[in-house]
Amino acid sequence: MTGFGDVPQRLAGNSYVVDEDSHIAIDQDLARKTGDGKLLVRICPAQVYSENDDGSIGILFAACLECGTCLALASPGVLTWHYPNGGFGIAFREG
């Protein structure tokens, strides 16, 4: 199958309406204790999470694909996650 483009090209077609308020929060202490901070950095397909120099986890919530992978794999209590407020978030242009 050719002609569909690679993943970055296909994701570039999506549009985002960014809310001022994040729909994601991390319990930094619990993320450190469980090691889930590093897990979030590895598993997020949109690279929303990054590890800061001090070991805390940064969140670029505006890039979120709202797939729920992080919520499904993080230990209970590490993340507070909900869909963005109505009218905000990603609008998929593929599939």
Protein backbone atom coordinates (compact mmCIF):
# COMPACT_ATOMS: atom_id res chain seq x y z
CA MET A 1 0.00 0.00 0.00
CA THR A 2 1.47 3.28 -1.03
CA GLY A 3 0.17 6.78 -1.42
CA PHE A 4 -1.18 7.11 2.09
CA GLY A 5 1.81 9.08 3.41
CA ASP A 6 3.73 8.50 6.59
CA VAL A 7 2.36 9.04 10.08
CA PRO A 8 3.68 12.61 10.55
CA GLN A 9 2.20 13.65 7.19
CA ARG A 10 -1.16 12.15 8.07
CA LEU A 11 -1.20 13.69 11.56
CA ALA A 12 -0.40 17.09 10.07
CA GLY A 13 -3.85 17.10 8.50
CA ASN A 14 -5.57 17.15 11.88
CA SER A 15 -6.59 20.41 13.47
CA TYR A 16 -6.66 21.41 17.11
CA VAL A 17 -8.75 23.90 19.02
CA VAL A 18 -6.69 24.43 22.15
CA ASP A 19 -8.34 25.15 25.49
CA GLU A 20 -6.54 27.33 28.03
CA ASP A 21 -7.01 24.63 30.67
CA SER A 22 -5.14 21.35 30.51
CA HIS A 23 -7.20 18.17 30.47
CA ILE A 24 -4.23 16.23 31.86
CA ALA A 25 -2.55 16.43 35.29
CA ILE A 26 0.18 14.25 36.76
CA ASP A 27 0.79 13.37 40.39
CA GLN A 28 4.54 13.90 40.14
CA ASP A 29 5.37 12.10 43.39
CA LEU A 30 3.40 9.01 42.45
CA ALA A 31 4.83 9.07 38.92
CA ARG A 32 8.34 9.00 40.40
CA LYS A 33 7.51 6.22 42.87
CA THR A 34 5.92 3.98 40.24
CA GLY A 35 8.27 4.85 37.38
CA ASP A 36 5.24 5.78 35.33
CA GLY A 37 6.70 9.16 34.37
CA LYS A 38 9.27 7.48 32.16
CA LEU A 39 6.56 5.12 30.89
CA LEU A 40 4.39 8.05 29.79
CA VAL A 41 7.29 9.59 27.89
CA ARG A 42 7.84 6.30 26.02
CA ILE A 43 4.27 5.30 25.18
CA CYS A 44 2.56 8.53 24.10
CA PRO A 45 2.20 8.51 20.30
CA ALA A 46 1.88 12.31 20.25
CA GLN A 47 4.91 12.90 22.49
CA VAL A 48 2.80 14.91 24.93
CA TYR A 49 5.01 13.93 27.87
CA SER A 50 8.66 14.83 28.39
CA GLU A 51 11.08 14.36 31.25
CA ASN A 52 12.44 17.60 32.71
CA ASP A 53 15.98 17.96 34.07
CA ASP A 54 14.68 17.60 37.64
CA GLY A 55 12.95 14.30 36.80
CA SER A 56 9.46 15.77 36.76
CA ILE A 57 7.24 15.10 33.76
CA GLY A 58 6.20 17.97 31.51
CA ILE A 59 2.91 17.98 29.65
CA LEU A 60 2.27 19.52 26.24
CA PHE A 61 -1.48 18.92 26.42
CA ALA A 62 -2.23 20.86 23.25
CA ALA A 63 -0.63 18.06 21.18
CA CYS A 64 -2.78 15.31 22.72
CA LEU A 65 -4.49 12.92 20.29
CA GLU A 66 -7.01 11.95 23.01
CA CYS A 67 -6.31 8.27 22.38
CA GLY A 68 -6.24 7.33 26.07
CA THR A 69 -3.08 5.22 25.87
CA CYS A 70 -1.54 7.05 28.82
CA LEU A 71 -4.62 6.58 30.96
CA ALA A 72 -4.84 2.89 30.10
CA LEU A 73 -1.22 2.14 31.02
CA ALA A 74 -0.48 4.48 33.93
CA SER A 75 -0.88 3.20 37.47
CA PRO A 76 -4.08 4.29 39.24
CA GLY A 77 -3.79 7.83 40.57
CA VAL A 78 -0.81 8.90 38.46
CA LEU A 79 -2.93 10.75 35.90
CA THR A 80 -6.02 12.87 36.09
CA TRP A 81 -7.26 12.81 32.50
CA HIS A 82 -10.53 13.75 30.83
CA TYR A 83 -11.51 14.79 27.35
CA PRO A 84 -11.05 18.51 26.65
CA ASN A 85 -13.98 20.82 27.31
CA GLY A 86 -16.70 20.85 24.65
CA GLY A 87 -15.58 22.30 21.35
CA PHE A 88 -11.89 21.92 22.19
CA GLY A 89 -9.34 19.25 21.33
CA ILE A 90 -8.42 17.46 18.15
CA ALA A 91 -10.47 17.24 14.95
CA PHE A 92 -9.29 14.21 12.98
CA ARG A 93 -9.05 14.60 9.23
CA GLU A 94 -8.13 10.95 8.57
CA GLY A 95 -10.47 8.02 9.09
